[in-house]
PDB file of N, CA and C in Angstrom:
ATOM      1  N   MET A   1      -8.855  14.060   5.361  1.00  0.00           N
ATOM      2  CA  MET A   1      -8.249  13.918   4.059  1.00  0.00           C
ATOM      3  C   MET A   1      -7.781  12.485   3.832  1.00  0.00           C
ATOM      4  N   ILE A   2      -7.118  11.920   4.812  1.00  0.00           N
ATOM      5  CA  ILE A   2      -6.583  10.574   4.668  1.00  0.00           C
ATOM      6  C   ILE A   2      -7.693   9.539   4.660  1.00  0.00           C
ATOM      7  N   ASP A   3      -8.793   9.815   5.337  1.00  0.00           N
ATOM      8  CA  ASP A   3      -9.886   8.846   5.398  1.00  0.00           C
ATOM      9  C   ASP A   3     -10.456   8.533   4.026  1.00  0.00           C
ATOM     10  N   ALA A   4     -10.389   9.482   3.098  1.00  0.00           N
ATOM     11  CA  ALA A   4     -10.885   9.236   1.744  1.00  0.00           C
ATOM     12  C   ALA A   4     -10.017   8.218   1.023  1.00  0.00           C
ATOM     13  N   ILE A   5      -8.757   8.140   1.387  1.00  0.00           N
ATOM     14  CA  ILE A   5      -7.839   7.205   0.733  1.00  0.00           C
ATOM     15  C   ILE A   5      -8.108   5.777   1.188  1.00  0.00           C
ATOM     16  N   GLN A   6      -8.669   5.599   2.371  1.00  0.00           N
ATOM     17  CA  GLN A   6      -8.890   4.261   2.901  1.00  0.00           C
ATOM     18  C   GLN A   6      -9.842   3.445   2.044  1.00  0.00           C
ATOM     19  N   SER A   7     -10.671   4.104   1.258  1.00  0.00           N
ATOM     20  CA  SER A   7     -11.583   3.354   0.399  1.00  0.00           C
ATOM     21  C   SER A   7     -10.822   2.565  -0.656  1.00  0.00           C
ATOM     22  N   VAL A   8      -9.581   2.973  -0.938  1.00  0.00           N
ATOM     23  CA  VAL A   8      -8.757   2.242  -1.895  1.00  0.00           C
ATOM     24  C   VAL A   8      -8.461   0.844  -1.372  1.00  0.00           C
ATOM     25  N   GLY A   9      -8.284   0.714  -0.069  1.00  0.00           N
ATOM     26  CA  GLY A   9      -7.987  -0.581   0.525  1.00  0.00           C
ATOM     27  C   GLY A   9      -9.200  -1.477   0.667  1.00  0.00           C
ATOM     28  N   ALA A  10     -10.337  -1.047   0.204  1.00  0.00           N
ATOM     29  CA  ALA A  10     -11.562  -1.833   0.353  1.00  0.00           C
ATOM     30  C   ALA A  10     -11.547  -3.105  -0.472  1.00  0.00           C
ATOM     31  N   PHE A  11     -10.695  -3.166  -1.509  1.00  0.00           N
ATOM     32  CA  PHE A  11     -10.673  -4.375  -2.332  1.00  0.00           C
ATOM     33  C   PHE A  11     -10.233  -5.587  -1.533  1.00  0.00           C
ATOM     34  N   SER A  12      -9.399  -5.406  -0.517  1.00  0.00           N
ATOM     35  CA  SER A  12      -8.992  -6.528   0.332  1.00  0.00           C
ATOM     36  C   SER A  12     -10.179  -7.049   1.123  1.00  0.00           C
ATOM     37  N   THR A  13     -10.974  -6.148   1.644  1.00  0.00           N
ATOM     38  CA  THR A  13     -12.158  -6.540   2.393  1.00  0.00           C
ATOM     39  C   THR A  13     -13.154  -7.240   1.487  1.00  0.00           C
ATOM     40  N   LEU A  14     -13.301  -6.742   0.272  1.00  0.00           N
ATOM     41  CA  LEU A  14     -14.212  -7.347  -0.689  1.00  0.00           C
ATOM     42  C   LEU A  14     -13.757  -8.759  -1.026  1.00  0.00           C
ATOM     43  N   LYS A  15     -12.460  -8.949  -1.220  1.00  0.00           N
ATOM     44  CA  LYS A  15     -11.931 -10.267  -1.547  1.00  0.00           C
ATOM     45  C   LYS A  15     -12.176 -11.241  -0.408  1.00  0.00           C
ATOM     46  N   GLU A  16     -11.981 -10.774   0.833  1.00  0.00           N
ATOM     47  CA  GLU A  16     -12.217 -11.639   1.989  1.00  0.00           C
ATOM     48  C   GLU A  16     -13.693 -11.990   2.109  1.00  0.00           C
ATOM     49  N   ALA A  17     -14.556 -11.037   1.808  1.00  0.00           N
ATOM     50  CA  ALA A  17     -15.993 -11.281   1.903  1.00  0.00           C
ATOM     51  C   ALA A  17     -16.455 -12.292   0.865  1.00  0.00           C
ATOM     52  N   GLU A  18     -15.800 -12.282  -0.297  1.00  0.00           N
ATOM     53  CA  GLU A  18     -16.164 -13.228  -1.340  1.00  0.00           C
ATOM     54  C   GLU A  18     -15.649 -14.626  -1.044  1.00  0.00           C
ATOM     55  N   GLY A  19     -14.678 -14.734  -0.158  1.00  0.00           N
ATOM     56  CA  GLY A  19     -14.136 -16.036   0.204  1.00  0.00           C
ATOM     57  C   GLY A  19     -13.230 -16.616  -0.862  1.00  0.00           C
ATOM     58  N   THR A  20     -12.594 -15.764  -1.643  1.00  0.00           N
ATOM     59  CA  THR A  20     -11.704 -16.256  -2.682  1.00  0.00           C
ATOM     60  C   THR A  20     -10.386 -16.660  -2.065  1.00  0.00           C
ATOM     61  N   SER A  21      -9.743 -17.596  -2.694  1.00  0.00           N
ATOM     62  CA  SER A  21      -8.426 -18.007  -2.241  1.00  0.00           C
ATOM     63  C   SER A  21      -7.453 -17.806  -3.385  1.00  0.00           C
ATOM     64  N   PRO A  22      -6.201 -17.504  -3.071  1.00  0.00           N
ATOM     65  CA  PRO A  22      -5.237 -17.267  -4.133  1.00  0.00           C
ATOM     66  C   PRO A  22      -4.953 -18.548  -4.913  1.00  0.00           C
ATOM     67  N   SER A  23      -4.931 -18.432  -6.203  1.00  0.00           N
ATOM     68  CA  SER A  23      -4.602 -19.581  -7.039  1.00  0.00           C
ATOM     69  C   SER A  23      -3.096 -19.648  -7.204  1.00  0.00           C
ATOM     70  N   ALA A  24      -2.636 -20.717  -7.761  1.00  0.00           N
ATOM     71  CA  ALA A  24      -1.198 -20.890  -7.945  1.00  0.00           C
ATOM     72  C   ALA A  24      -0.638 -19.842  -8.890  1.00  0.00           C
ATOM     73  N   SER A  25      -1.445 -19.367  -9.821  1.00  0.00           N
ATOM     74  CA  SER A  25      -0.941 -18.389 -10.779  1.00  0.00           C
ATOM     75  C   SER A  25      -0.875 -16.988 -10.198  1.00  0.00           C
ATOM     76  N   THR A  26      -1.656 -16.678  -9.160  1.00  0.00           N
ATOM     77  CA  THR A  26      -1.643 -15.333  -8.598  1.00  0.00           C
ATOM     78  C   THR A  26      -0.912 -15.257  -7.272  1.00  0.00           C
ATOM     79  N   ALA A  27      -0.470 -16.357  -6.725  1.00  0.00           N
ATOM     80  CA  ALA A  27       0.235 -16.340  -5.450  1.00  0.00           C
ATOM     81  C   ALA A  27       1.723 -16.204  -5.700  1.00  0.00           C
ATOM     82  N   LEU A  28       2.378 -15.419  -4.839  1.00  0.00           N
ATOM     83  CA  LEU A  28       3.812 -15.326  -4.934  1.00  0.00           C
ATOM     84  C   LEU A  28       4.401 -15.633  -3.581  1.00  0.00           C
ATOM     85  N   SER A  29       5.567 -16.202  -3.596  1.00  0.00           N
ATOM     86  CA  SER A  29       6.206 -16.626  -2.372  1.00  0.00           C
ATOM     87  C   SER A  29       7.200 -15.564  -1.949  1.00  0.00           C
ATOM     88  N   LEU A  30       7.066 -15.078  -0.720  1.00  0.00           N
ATOM     89  CA  LEU A  30       7.968 -14.080  -0.194  1.00  0.00           C
ATOM     90  C   LEU A  30       8.796 -14.712   0.912  1.00  0.00           C
ATOM     91  N   PRO A  31      10.132 -14.680   0.779  1.00  0.00           N
ATOM     92  CA  PRO A  31      10.954 -15.258   1.834  1.00  0.00           C
ATOM     93  C   PRO A  31      10.894 -14.379   3.078  1.00  0.00           C
ATOM     94  N   SER A  32      10.822 -15.015   4.230  1.00  0.00           N
ATOM     95  CA  SER A  32      10.816 -14.267   5.477  1.00  0.00           C
ATOM     96  C   SER A  32      11.994 -14.723   6.326  1.00  0.00           C
ATOM     97  N   ALA A  33      12.588 -13.777   7.015  1.00  0.00           N
ATOM     98  CA  ALA A  33      13.760 -14.075   7.822  1.00  0.00           C
ATOM     99  C   ALA A  33      13.349 -14.882   9.045  1.00  0.00           C
ATOM    100  N   GLY A  34      13.974 -16.006   9.244  1.00  0.00           N
ATOM    101  CA  GLY A  34      13.732 -16.813  10.422  1.00  0.00           C
ATOM    102  C   GLY A  34      12.550 -17.752  10.316  1.00  0.00           C
ATOM    103  N   ALA A  35      11.843 -17.759   9.227  1.00  0.00           N
ATOM    104  CA  ALA A  35      10.694 -18.652   9.076  1.00  0.00           C
ATOM    105  C   ALA A  35      11.155 -19.963   8.465  1.00  0.00           C
ATOM    106  N   ALA A  36      10.546 -21.038   8.911  1.00  0.00           N
ATOM    107  CA  ALA A  36      10.937 -22.352   8.413  1.00  0.00           C
ATOM    108  C   ALA A  36      10.458 -22.564   6.985  1.00  0.00           C
ATOM    109  N   ALA A  37       9.217 -22.192   6.699  1.00  0.00           N
ATOM    110  CA  ALA A  37       8.671 -22.365   5.357  1.00  0.00           C
ATOM    111  C   ALA A  37       8.107 -21.038   4.870  1.00  0.00           C
ATOM    112  N   PRO A  38       8.390 -20.676   3.616  1.00  0.00           N
ATOM    113  CA  PRO A  38       7.865 -19.412   3.111  1.00  0.00           C
ATOM    114  C   PRO A  38       6.350 -19.475   2.947  1.00  0.00           C
ATOM    115  N   GLN A  39       5.691 -18.366   3.203  1.00  0.00           N
ATOM    116  CA  GLN A  39       4.246 -18.293   3.061  1.00  0.00           C
ATOM    117  C   GLN A  39       3.915 -17.657   1.720  1.00  0.00           C
ATOM    118  N   ALA A  40       2.873 -18.141   1.078  1.00  0.00           N
ATOM    119  CA  ALA A  40       2.460 -17.586  -0.200  1.00  0.00           C
ATOM    120  C   ALA A  40       1.443 -16.479   0.043  1.00  0.00           C
ATOM    121  N   GLN A  41       1.639 -15.353  -0.634  1.00  0.00           N
ATOM    122  CA  GLN A  41       0.707 -14.246  -0.553  1.00  0.00           C
ATOM    123  C   GLN A  41       0.221 -13.936  -1.958  1.00  0.00           C
ATOM    124  N   SER A  42      -1.029 -13.599  -2.071  1.00  0.00           N
ATOM    125  CA  SER A  42      -1.543 -13.230  -3.380  1.00  0.00           C
ATOM    126  C   SER A  42      -1.122 -11.795  -3.692  1.00  0.00           C
ATOM    127  N   PHE A  43      -1.210 -11.459  -4.964  1.00  0.00           N
ATOM    128  CA  PHE A  43      -0.869 -10.111  -5.405  1.00  0.00           C
ATOM    129  C   PHE A  43      -1.777  -9.091  -4.720  1.00  0.00           C
ATOM    130  N   ALA A  44      -3.041  -9.436  -4.563  1.00  0.00           N
ATOM    131  CA  ALA A  44      -3.992  -8.536  -3.896  1.00  0.00           C
ATOM    132  C   ALA A  44      -3.606  -8.317  -2.434  1.00  0.00           C
ATOM    133  N   ASP A  45      -3.113  -9.365  -1.767  1.00  0.00           N
ATOM    134  CA  ASP A  45      -2.681  -9.219  -0.377  1.00  0.00           C
ATOM    135  C   ASP A  45      -1.483  -8.283  -0.268  1.00  0.00           C
ATOM    136  N   VAL A  46      -0.541  -8.431  -1.188  1.00  0.00           N
ATOM    137  CA  VAL A  46       0.642  -7.574  -1.189  1.00  0.00           C
ATOM    138  C   VAL A  46       0.238  -6.124  -1.420  1.00  0.00           C
ATOM    139  N   LEU A  47      -0.631  -5.888  -2.410  1.00  0.00           N
ATOM    140  CA  LEU A  47      -1.089  -4.521  -2.673  1.00  0.00           C
ATOM    141  C   LEU A  47      -1.887  -3.967  -1.500  1.00  0.00           C
ATOM    142  N   GLY A  48      -2.694  -4.809  -0.877  1.00  0.00           N
ATOM    143  CA  GLY A  48      -3.459  -4.370   0.285  1.00  0.00           C
ATOM    144  C   GLY A  48      -2.558  -3.965   1.437  1.00  0.00           C
ATOM    145  N   THR A  49      -1.513  -4.741   1.670  1.00  0.00           N
ATOM    146  CA  THR A  49      -0.557  -4.426   2.727  1.00  0.00           C
ATOM    147  C   THR A  49       0.170  -3.124   2.429  1.00  0.00           C
ATOM    148  N   MET A  50       0.583  -2.960   1.174  1.00  0.00           N
ATOM    149  CA  MET A  50       1.269  -1.724   0.790  1.00  0.00           C
ATOM    150  C   MET A  50       0.347  -0.514   0.933  1.00  0.00           C
ATOM    151  N   THR A  51      -0.915  -0.676   0.572  1.00  0.00           N
ATOM    152  CA  THR A  51      -1.879   0.415   0.700  1.00  0.00           C
ATOM    153  C   THR A  51      -2.081   0.780   2.163  1.00  0.00           C
ATOM    154  N   THR A  52      -2.212  -0.225   3.003  1.00  0.00           N
ATOM    155  CA  THR A  52      -2.391   0.018   4.435  1.00  0.00           C
ATOM    156  C   THR A  52      -1.178   0.725   5.023  1.00  0.00           C
ATOM    157  N   ASP A  53       0.022   0.296   4.632  1.00  0.00           N
ATOM    158  CA  ASP A  53       1.239   0.938   5.122  1.00  0.00           C
ATOM    159  C   ASP A  53       1.333   2.391   4.661  1.00  0.00           C
ATOM    160  N   ALA A  54       0.954   2.658   3.413  1.00  0.00           N
ATOM    161  CA  ALA A  54       0.989   4.030   2.901  1.00  0.00           C
ATOM    162  C   ALA A  54      -0.004   4.913   3.652  1.00  0.00           C
ATOM    163  N   ILE A  55      -1.192   4.392   3.908  1.00  0.00           N
ATOM    164  CA  ILE A  55      -2.201   5.155   4.649  1.00  0.00           C
ATOM    165  C   ILE A  55      -1.716   5.434   6.063  1.00  0.00           C
ATOM    166  N   ARG A  56      -1.131   4.422   6.691  1.00  0.00           N
ATOM    167  CA  ARG A  56      -0.612   4.589   8.050  1.00  0.00           C
ATOM    168  C   ARG A  56       0.491   5.652   8.074  1.00  0.00           C
ATOM    169  N   SER A  57       1.349   5.645   7.059  1.00  0.00           N
ATOM    170  CA  SER A  57       2.434   6.615   6.970  1.00  0.00           C
ATOM    171  C   SER A  57       1.893   8.031   6.801  1.00  0.00           C
ATOM    172  N   MET A  58       0.866   8.189   5.966  1.00  0.00           N
ATOM    173  CA  MET A  58       0.280   9.518   5.758  1.00  0.00           C
ATOM    174  C   MET A  58      -0.436  10.017   7.004  1.00  0.00           C
ATOM    175  N   LYS A  59      -1.123   9.118   7.701  1.00  0.00           N
ATOM    176  CA  LYS A  59      -1.788   9.512   8.949  1.00  0.00           C
ATOM    177  C   LYS A  59      -0.762   9.919  10.001  1.00  0.00           C
ATOM    178  N   SER A  60       0.348   9.197  10.039  1.00  0.00           N
ATOM    179  CA  SER A  60       1.404   9.527  10.985  1.00  0.00           C
ATOM    180  C   SER A  60       1.978  10.910  10.685  1.00  0.00           C
ATOM    181  N   ALA A  61       2.226  11.188   9.406  1.00  0.00           N
ATOM    182  CA  ALA A  61       2.758  12.498   9.021  1.00  0.00           C
ATOM    183  C   ALA A  61       1.773  13.607   9.364  1.00  0.00           C
ATOM    184  N   GLU A  62       0.499  13.342   9.146  1.00  0.00           N
ATOM    185  CA  GLU A  62      -0.526  14.332   9.478  1.00  0.00           C
ATOM    186  C   GLU A  62      -0.563  14.573  10.988  1.00  0.00           C
ATOM    187  N   GLY A  63      -0.440  13.496  11.764  1.00  0.00           N
ATOM    188  CA  GLY A  63      -0.437  13.627  13.219  1.00  0.00           C
ATOM    189  C   GLY A  63       0.769  14.394  13.732  1.00  0.00           C
ATOM    190  N   VAL A  64       1.935  14.116  13.169  1.00  0.00           N
ATOM    191  CA  VAL A  64       3.147  14.824  13.590  1.00  0.00           C
ATOM    192  C   VAL A  64       3.051  16.297  13.206  1.00  0.00           C
ATOM    193  N   SER A  65       2.462  16.581  12.053  1.00  0.00           N
ATOM    194  CA  SER A  65       2.274  17.979  11.645  1.00  0.00           C
ATOM    195  C   SER A  65       1.367  18.716  12.628  1.00  0.00           C
ATOM    196  N   LEU A  66       0.301  18.060  13.058  1.00  0.00           N
ATOM    197  CA  LEU A  66      -0.588  18.681  14.042  1.00  0.00           C
ATOM    198  C   LEU A  66       0.116  18.872  15.386  1.00  0.00           C
ATOM    199  N   GLN A  67       0.971  17.913  15.754  1.00  0.00           N
ATOM    200  CA  GLN A  67       1.743  18.066  16.989  1.00  0.00           C
ATOM    201  C   GLN A  67       2.680  19.262  16.891  1.00  0.00           C
ATOM    202  N   ALA A  68       3.268  19.468  15.714  1.00  0.00           N
ATOM    203  CA  ALA A  68       4.168  20.605  15.526  1.00  0.00           C
ATOM    204  C   ALA A  68       3.408  21.923  15.628  1.00  0.00           C
ATOM    205  N   ILE A  69       2.186  21.946  15.113  1.00  0.00           N
ATOM    206  CA  ILE A  69       1.373  23.161  15.209  1.00  0.00           C
ATOM    207  C   ILE A  69       1.083  23.487  16.674  1.00  0.00           C
ATOM    208  N   ARG A  70       0.865  22.445  17.482  1.00  0.00           N
ATOM    209  CA  ARG A  70       0.614  22.644  18.918  1.00  0.00           C
ATOM    210  C   ARG A  70       1.904  22.876  19.700  1.00  0.00           C
ATOM    211  N   GLY A  71       3.058  22.736  19.046  1.00  0.00           N
ATOM    212  CA  GLY A  71       4.336  22.945  19.708  1.00  0.00           C
ATOM    213  C   GLY A  71       4.867  21.716  20.410  1.00  0.00           C
ATOM    214  N   GLU A  72       4.339  20.542  20.089  1.00  0.00           N
ATOM    215  CA  GLU A  72       4.743  19.309  20.758  1.00  0.00           C
ATOM    216  C   GLU A  72       5.778  18.510  19.971  1.00  0.00           C
ATOM    217  N   ALA A  73       6.063  18.893  18.736  1.00  0.00           N
ATOM    218  CA  ALA A  73       7.038  18.166  17.910  1.00  0.00           C
ATOM    219  C   ALA A  73       7.969  19.180  17.257  1.00  0.00           C
ATOM    220  N   ASN A  74       9.209  18.764  17.064  1.00  0.00           N
ATOM    221  CA  ASN A  74      10.146  19.680  16.426  1.00  0.00           C
ATOM    222  C   ASN A  74      10.104  19.535  14.900  1.00  0.00           C
ATOM    223  N   THR A  75      10.787  20.424  14.232  1.00  0.00           N
ATOM    224  CA  THR A  75      10.757  20.475  12.768  1.00  0.00           C
ATOM    225  C   THR A  75      11.336  19.214  12.151  1.00  0.00           C
ATOM    226  N   ARG A  76      12.360  18.681  12.758  1.00  0.00           N
ATOM    227  CA  ARG A  76      13.010  17.475  12.217  1.00  0.00           C
ATOM    228  C   ARG A  76      12.030  16.298  12.167  1.00  0.00           C
ATOM    229  N   GLU A  77      11.258  16.116  13.216  1.00  0.00           N
ATOM    230  CA  GLU A  77      10.276  15.027  13.240  1.00  0.00           C
ATOM    231  C   GLU A  77       9.230  15.205  12.151  1.00  0.00           C
ATOM    232  N   VAL A  78       8.801  16.447  11.939  1.00  0.00           N
ATOM    233  CA  VAL A  78       7.808  16.726  10.901  1.00  0.00           C
ATOM    234  C   VAL A  78       8.380  16.415   9.528  1.00  0.00           C
ATOM    235  N   VAL A  79       9.594  16.867   9.280  1.00  0.00           N
ATOM    236  CA  VAL A  79      10.223  16.630   7.975  1.00  0.00           C
ATOM    237  C   VAL A  79      10.405  15.140   7.734  1.00  0.00           C
ATOM    238  N   ASP A  80      10.861  14.406   8.733  1.00  0.00           N
ATOM    239  CA  ASP A  80      11.039  12.957   8.577  1.00  0.00           C
ATOM    240  C   ASP A  80       9.717  12.258   8.271  1.00  0.00           C
ATOM    241  N   ALA A  81       8.667  12.619   8.997  1.00  0.00           N
ATOM    242  CA  ALA A  81       7.364  11.982   8.790  1.00  0.00           C
ATOM    243  C   ALA A  81       6.793  12.320   7.421  1.00  0.00           C
ATOM    244  N   VAL A  82       6.919  13.578   7.006  1.00  0.00           N
ATOM    245  CA  VAL A  82       6.386  13.988   5.703  1.00  0.00           C
ATOM    246  C   VAL A  82       7.180  13.351   4.573  1.00  0.00           C
ATOM    247  N   MET A  83       8.486  13.259   4.715  1.00  0.00           N
ATOM    248  CA  MET A  83       9.308  12.626   3.670  1.00  0.00           C
ATOM    249  C   MET A  83       8.980  11.140   3.554  1.00  0.00           C
ATOM    250  N   ASN A  84       8.761  10.480   4.678  1.00  0.00           N
ATOM    251  CA  ASN A  84       8.381   9.067   4.670  1.00  0.00           C
ATOM    252  C   ASN A  84       7.030   8.882   3.984  1.00  0.00           C
ATOM    253  N   ALA A  85       6.081   9.761   4.298  1.00  0.00           N
ATOM    254  CA  ALA A  85       4.758   9.688   3.663  1.00  0.00           C
ATOM    255  C   ALA A  85       4.854   9.969   2.171  1.00  0.00           C
ATOM    256  N   GLU A  86       5.683  10.928   1.796  1.00  0.00           N
ATOM    257  CA  GLU A  86       5.844  11.245   0.373  1.00  0.00           C
ATOM    258  C   GLU A  86       6.454  10.069  -0.382  1.00  0.00           C
ATOM    259  N   GLN A  87       7.428   9.405   0.221  1.00  0.00           N
ATOM    260  CA  GLN A  87       8.040   8.244  -0.417  1.00  0.00           C
ATOM    261  C   GLN A  87       7.017   7.120  -0.587  1.00  0.00           C
ATOM    262  N   SER A  88       6.196   6.894   0.416  1.00  0.00           N
ATOM    263  CA  SER A  88       5.151   5.872   0.314  1.00  0.00           C
ATOM    264  C   SER A  88       4.156   6.213  -0.785  1.00  0.00           C
ATOM    265  N   LEU A  89       3.771   7.476  -0.864  1.00  0.00           N
ATOM    266  CA  LEU A  89       2.824   7.906  -1.887  1.00  0.00           C
ATOM    267  C   LEU A  89       3.419   7.763  -3.282  1.00  0.00           C
ATOM    268  N   GLN A  90       4.680   8.142  -3.450  1.00  0.00           N
ATOM    269  CA  GLN A  90       5.328   8.020  -4.760  1.00  0.00           C
ATOM    270  C   GLN A  90       5.444   6.555  -5.179  1.00  0.00           C
ATOM    271  N   THR A  91       5.714   5.674  -4.228  1.00  0.00           N
ATOM    272  CA  THR A  91       5.771   4.244  -4.530  1.00  0.00           C
ATOM    273  C   THR A  91       4.408   3.729  -4.960  1.00  0.00           C
ATOM    274  N   ALA A  92       3.372   4.136  -4.244  1.00  0.00           N
ATOM    275  CA  ALA A  92       2.013   3.714  -4.598  1.00  0.00           C
ATOM    276  C   ALA A  92       1.621   4.225  -5.980  1.00  0.00           C
ATOM    277  N   LEU A  93       1.979   5.457  -6.294  1.00  0.00           N
ATOM    278  CA  LEU A  93       1.664   6.010  -7.617  1.00  0.00           C
ATOM    279  C   LEU A  93       2.418   5.287  -8.722  1.00  0.00           C
ATOM    280  N   ALA A  94       3.674   4.940  -8.469  1.00  0.00           N
ATOM    281  CA  ALA A  94       4.452   4.220  -9.477  1.00  0.00           C
ATOM    282  C   ALA A  94       3.863   2.840  -9.741  1.00  0.00           C
ATOM    283  N   ILE A  95       3.455   2.156  -8.689  1.00  0.00           N
ATOM    284  CA  ILE A  95       2.841   0.831  -8.861  1.00  0.00           C
ATOM    285  C   ILE A  95       1.519   0.960  -9.600  1.00  0.00           C
ATOM    286  N   ARG A  96       0.721   1.956  -9.228  1.00  0.00           N
ATOM    287  CA  ARG A  96      -0.550   2.173  -9.929  1.00  0.00           C
ATOM    288  C   ARG A  96      -0.320   2.424 -11.419  1.00  0.00           C
ATOM    289  N   ASP A  97       0.673   3.255 -11.737  1.00  0.00           N
ATOM    290  CA  ASP A  97       0.963   3.542 -13.144  1.00  0.00           C
ATOM    291  C   ASP A  97       1.374   2.285 -13.898  1.00  0.00           C
ATOM    292  N   LYS A  98       2.181   1.441 -13.261  1.00  0.00           N
ATOM    293  CA  LYS A  98       2.606   0.195 -13.911  1.00  0.00           C
ATOM    294  C   LYS A  98       1.431  -0.748 -14.133  1.00  0.00           C
ATOM    295  N   VAL A  99       0.539  -0.847 -13.150  1.00  0.00           N
ATOM    296  CA  VAL A  99      -0.628  -1.723 -13.286  1.00  0.00           C
ATOM    297  C   VAL A  99      -1.541  -1.218 -14.401  1.00  0.00           C
ATOM    298  N   VAL A 100      -1.762   0.094 -14.456  1.00  0.00           N
ATOM    299  CA  VAL A 100      -2.609   0.661 -15.512  1.00  0.00           C
ATOM    300  C   VAL A 100      -1.976   0.443 -16.877  1.00  0.00           C
ATOM    301  N   THR A 101      -0.673   0.637 -16.988  1.00  0.00           N
ATOM    302  CA  THR A 101       0.018   0.416 -18.257  1.00  0.00           C
ATOM    303  C   THR A 101      -0.091  -1.038 -18.692  1.00  0.00           C
ATOM    304  N   ALA A 102       0.094  -1.959 -17.762  1.00  0.00           N
ATOM    305  CA  ALA A 102      -0.025  -3.385 -18.095  1.00  0.00           C
ATOM    306  C   ALA A 102      -1.443  -3.720 -18.541  1.00  0.00           C
ATOM    307  N   TYR A 103      -2.440  -3.165 -17.862  1.00  0.00           N
ATOM    308  CA  TYR A 103      -3.834  -3.406 -18.241  1.00  0.00           C
ATOM    309  C   TYR A 103      -4.107  -2.880 -19.643  1.00  0.00           C
ATOM    310  N   LEU A 104      -3.621  -1.687 -19.944  1.00  0.00           N
ATOM    311  CA  LEU A 104      -3.847  -1.112 -21.273  1.00  0.00           C
ATOM    312  C   LEU A 104      -3.160  -1.934 -22.359  1.00  0.00           C
ATOM    313  N   GLU A 105      -1.974  -2.454 -22.065  1.00  0.00           N
ATOM    314  CA  GLU A 105      -1.285  -3.308 -23.041  1.00  0.00           C
ATOM    315  C   GLU A 105      -2.074  -4.583 -23.292  1.00  0.00           C
ATOM    316  N   ILE A 106      -2.603  -5.172 -22.247  1.00  0.00           N
ATOM    317  CA  ILE A 106      -3.406  -6.388 -22.409  1.00  0.00           C
ATOM    318  C   ILE A 106      -4.680  -6.077 -23.186  1.00  0.00           C
ATOM    319  N   ALA A 107      -5.290  -4.935 -22.902  1.00  0.00           N
ATOM    320  CA  ALA A 107      -6.525  -4.556 -23.592  1.00  0.00           C
ATOM    321  C   ALA A 107      -6.292  -4.324 -25.084  1.00  0.00           C
ATOM    322  N   ARG A 108      -5.090  -3.896 -25.457  1.00  0.00           N
ATOM    323  CA  ARG A 108      -4.789  -3.634 -26.867  1.00  0.00           C
ATOM    324  C   ARG A 108      -4.372  -4.879 -27.638  1.00  0.00           C
ATOM    325  N   MET A 109      -4.124  -5.971 -26.934  1.00  0.00           N
ATOM    326  CA  MET A 109      -3.693  -7.196 -27.617  1.00  0.00           C
ATOM    327  C   MET A 109      -4.783  -7.711 -28.540  1.00  0.00           C
ATOM    328  N   GLN A 110      -4.338  -8.192 -29.688  1.00  0.00           N
ATOM    329  CA  GLN A 110      -5.295  -8.787 -30.612  1.00  0.00           C
ATOM    330  C   GLN A 110      -5.443 -10.262 -30.288  1.00  0.00           C
ATOM    331  N   ILE A 111      -6.664 -10.720 -30.348  1.00  0.00           N
ATOM    332  CA  ILE A 111      -6.936 -12.127 -30.023  1.00  0.00           C
ATOM    333  C   ILE A 111      -7.021 -12.934 -31.290  1.00  0.00           C
TER     334      ILE A 111
END
């Protein structure tokens, strides 16, 4: 089930294959704790990282659920993993909705 979601993260691979580099208009600077100079990440990189984290969270929840079925994990671990995966999924859906809304607004603009 989760493997079908991984195709969503393919845009990062496609971008790397094309050899594109982030422009000044699409790069954003994220402060990092303990780093001397902030690194710039493109919007696509940020979305790719978030997608990968969400997929990892869902796979983890699925694995813990299977462990519980085999009797190797307790209910608390399953609930924690599933709640974490649900939160990641809800965040991804909210971002997707915002991106689609922004695209539709741009598409409706008169030139």
